[in-house]
């Protein structure tokens, strides 16, 4: 299993670099050429979302992108350190779940709508996607099956 980790300042101009690195590593992992555009778009959307969240909340920590290549799948994790709304309690539990939102300003409400649109785009591009978040940050995990054997290096 090979792993590449990329960290970049939460600036929009670094998103392009993350897309290019993700496409290069995906190609090396054996992801089908026809799917590489989806990889680029999904990574770009996830990184743009993370940059926007960092800018909105004044987070200076870097965005983290981890590219994991193994025999069964190629995975990408995009992590941010921005606060997200938190749900307490398990859904369906007897006491019910309580949703405790982070305080919302008009700018944050607009950003939340953009965030939901970005997640919808990612879900449309990637069959295997998982989003998790809490008050300390969030992670988008995406994966694609390789269609060709990865080259031995």
Protein backbone atom coordinates (compact mmCIF):
# COMPACT_ATOMS: atom_id res chain seq x y z
CA UNK A 1 0.00 0.00 0.00
CA UNK A 2 1.42 3.38 -1.05
CA UNK A 3 0.34 6.64 0.54
CA UNK A 4 0.98 10.21 -0.57
CA UNK A 5 0.15 13.06 1.79
CA UNK A 6 -0.23 16.65 0.67
CA UNK A 7 -0.75 19.62 2.98
CA UNK A 8 -1.39 23.11 1.68
CA UNK A 9 -2.32 26.53 3.00
CA UNK A 10 -6.04 27.20 2.77
CA UNK A 11 -5.75 29.33 -0.35
CA UNK A 12 -7.83 28.79 -3.51
CA UNK A 13 -4.75 28.84 -5.75
CA UNK A 14 -3.47 25.62 -4.15
CA UNK A 15 -6.57 23.62 -5.09
CA UNK A 16 -5.30 23.22 -8.68
CA UNK A 17 -2.09 21.63 -7.41
CA UNK A 18 -4.08 19.18 -5.27
CA UNK A 19 -6.17 18.21 -8.34
CA UNK A 20 -3.06 17.61 -10.45
CA UNK A 21 -1.34 15.53 -7.76
CA UNK A 22 -4.49 13.47 -7.19
CA UNK A 23 -4.85 12.74 -10.92
CA UNK A 24 -1.18 11.74 -11.23
CA UNK A 25 -1.34 9.39 -8.24
CA UNK A 26 -4.69 7.95 -9.42
CA UNK A 27 -3.21 7.26 -12.85
CA UNK A 28 -0.23 5.51 -11.24
CA UNK A 29 -2.65 3.50 -9.05
CA UNK A 30 -4.36 2.14 -12.18
CA UNK A 31 -7.56 4.17 -12.09
CA UNK A 32 -9.18 4.14 -15.53
CA UNK A 33 -8.31 7.13 -17.74
CA UNK A 34 -12.02 7.81 -18.28
CA UNK A 35 -12.46 8.27 -14.51
CA UNK A 36 -9.52 10.64 -14.00
CA UNK A 37 -11.64 13.71 -14.79
CA UNK A 38 -14.08 12.64 -12.06
CA UNK A 39 -11.16 12.24 -9.63
CA UNK A 40 -9.87 15.71 -10.51
CA UNK A 41 -13.32 17.31 -10.18
CA UNK A 42 -14.15 15.55 -6.91
CA UNK A 43 -10.81 16.45 -5.33
CA UNK A 44 -11.14 20.02 -6.56
CA UNK A 45 -14.62 20.30 -5.06
CA UNK A 46 -13.57 18.74 -1.74
CA UNK A 47 -10.49 20.97 -1.48
CA UNK A 48 -12.43 24.10 -2.46
CA UNK A 49 -14.99 23.25 0.23
CA UNK A 50 -12.23 22.84 2.84
CA UNK A 51 -10.57 26.11 1.80
CA UNK A 52 -13.90 27.94 2.04
CA UNK A 53 -14.60 26.52 5.50
CA UNK A 54 -11.13 27.52 6.71
CA UNK A 55 -11.53 31.03 5.32
CA UNK A 56 -15.02 31.40 6.81
CA UNK A 57 -13.95 30.31 10.29
CA UNK A 58 -10.49 31.94 10.28
CA UNK A 59 -8.67 28.61 10.55
CA UNK A 60 -4.98 28.91 9.67
CA UNK A 61 -4.15 25.19 9.76
CA UNK A 62 -3.35 23.56 6.41
CA UNK A 63 -5.77 21.45 4.38
CA UNK A 64 -4.69 17.79 4.37
CA UNK A 65 -5.10 15.49 1.37
CA UNK A 66 -4.14 11.83 1.72
CA UNK A 67 -3.99 9.62 -1.38
CA UNK A 68 -3.98 5.89 -0.59
CA UNK A 69 -3.21 3.29 -3.21
CA UNK A 70 -3.83 -0.38 -2.48
CA UNK A 71 -4.70 -3.46 -4.51
CA UNK A 72 -8.47 -3.14 -4.15
CA UNK A 73 -9.08 0.59 -4.39
CA UNK A 74 -7.63 4.05 -4.71
CA UNK A 75 -8.77 6.36 -1.90
CA UNK A 76 -8.54 10.06 -1.21
CA UNK A 77 -9.21 11.79 2.10
CA UNK A 78 -9.58 15.58 2.25
CA UNK A 79 -9.51 16.94 5.81
CA UNK A 80 -10.33 20.36 7.18
CA UNK A 81 -10.10 21.74 10.72
CA UNK A 82 -13.14 24.02 10.58
CA UNK A 83 -15.93 23.62 13.17
CA UNK A 84 -19.04 21.78 11.97
CA UNK A 85 -22.46 21.29 13.56
CA UNK A 86 -22.53 18.39 16.00
CA UNK A 87 -25.22 15.75 16.53
CA UNK A 88 -25.43 14.31 20.05
CA UNK A 89 -27.01 10.92 20.56
CA UNK A 90 -27.62 8.14 18.10
CA UNK A 91 -30.42 8.64 15.57
CA UNK A 92 -33.30 6.36 16.45
CA UNK A 93 -32.22 6.11 20.10
CA UNK A 94 -34.95 6.48 22.69
CA UNK A 95 -33.80 9.92 23.79
CA UNK A 96 -33.52 11.19 20.21
CA UNK A 97 -30.63 13.10 18.70
CA UNK A 98 -29.98 16.75 19.37
CA UNK A 99 -28.45 18.89 16.63
CA UNK A 100 -26.26 21.62 18.09
CA UNK A 101 -25.33 24.08 15.33
CA UNK A 102 -22.30 26.30 15.27
CA UNK A 103 -23.53 29.96 15.45
CA UNK A 104 -24.70 31.06 12.00
CA UNK A 105 -24.20 34.48 10.40
CA UNK A 106 -25.59 35.41 6.95
CA UNK A 107 -22.15 34.64 5.44
CA UNK A 108 -22.12 31.25 7.17
CA UNK A 109 -25.65 30.48 5.93
CA UNK A 110 -24.58 31.21 2.34
CA UNK A 111 -21.44 29.11 2.85
CA UNK A 112 -23.57 26.25 4.20
CA UNK A 113 -25.67 26.30 1.01
CA UNK A 114 -22.47 26.23 -1.08
CA UNK A 115 -21.22 23.41 1.13
CA UNK A 116 -24.36 21.34 0.51
CA UNK A 117 -24.07 21.96 -3.24
CA UNK A 118 -20.41 20.91 -3.17
CA UNK A 119 -21.25 17.69 -1.34
CA UNK A 120 -23.99 16.98 -3.89
CA UNK A 121 -21.50 17.43 -6.73
CA UNK A 122 -19.01 15.09 -5.04
CA UNK A 123 -21.75 12.49 -4.45
CA UNK A 124 -22.66 12.69 -8.13
CA UNK A 125 -19.05 12.11 -9.18
CA UNK A 126 -18.02 9.40 -6.70
CA UNK A 127 -19.92 6.19 -6.01
CA UNK A 128 -18.04 5.46 -2.78
CA UNK A 129 -17.98 8.63 -0.66
CA UNK A 130 -18.20 9.16 3.09
CA UNK A 131 -18.43 12.50 4.89
CA UNK A 132 -17.76 12.87 8.60
CA UNK A 133 -17.47 16.02 10.69
CA UNK A 134 -17.51 17.30 14.24
CA UNK A 135 -16.65 20.47 16.10
CA UNK A 136 -12.92 20.04 15.36
CA UNK A 137 -13.08 19.43 11.60
CA UNK A 138 -14.29 17.21 8.81
CA UNK A 139 -13.12 14.54 6.40
CA UNK A 140 -14.39 13.55 2.97
CA UNK A 141 -13.30 10.02 2.01
CA UNK A 142 -13.65 9.00 -1.63
CA UNK A 143 -12.53 5.84 -3.38
CA UNK A 144 -12.39 4.32 -6.85
CA UNK A 145 -11.52 0.81 -7.96
CA UNK A 146 -8.39 0.43 -10.09
CA UNK A 147 -9.12 -0.99 -13.54
CA UNK A 148 -5.56 -1.85 -14.44
CA UNK A 149 -2.88 -3.39 -12.26
CA UNK A 150 -0.71 -0.74 -10.62
CA UNK A 151 2.84 -0.70 -11.98
CA UNK A 152 5.52 -2.21 -9.77
CA UNK A 153 8.03 0.45 -8.79
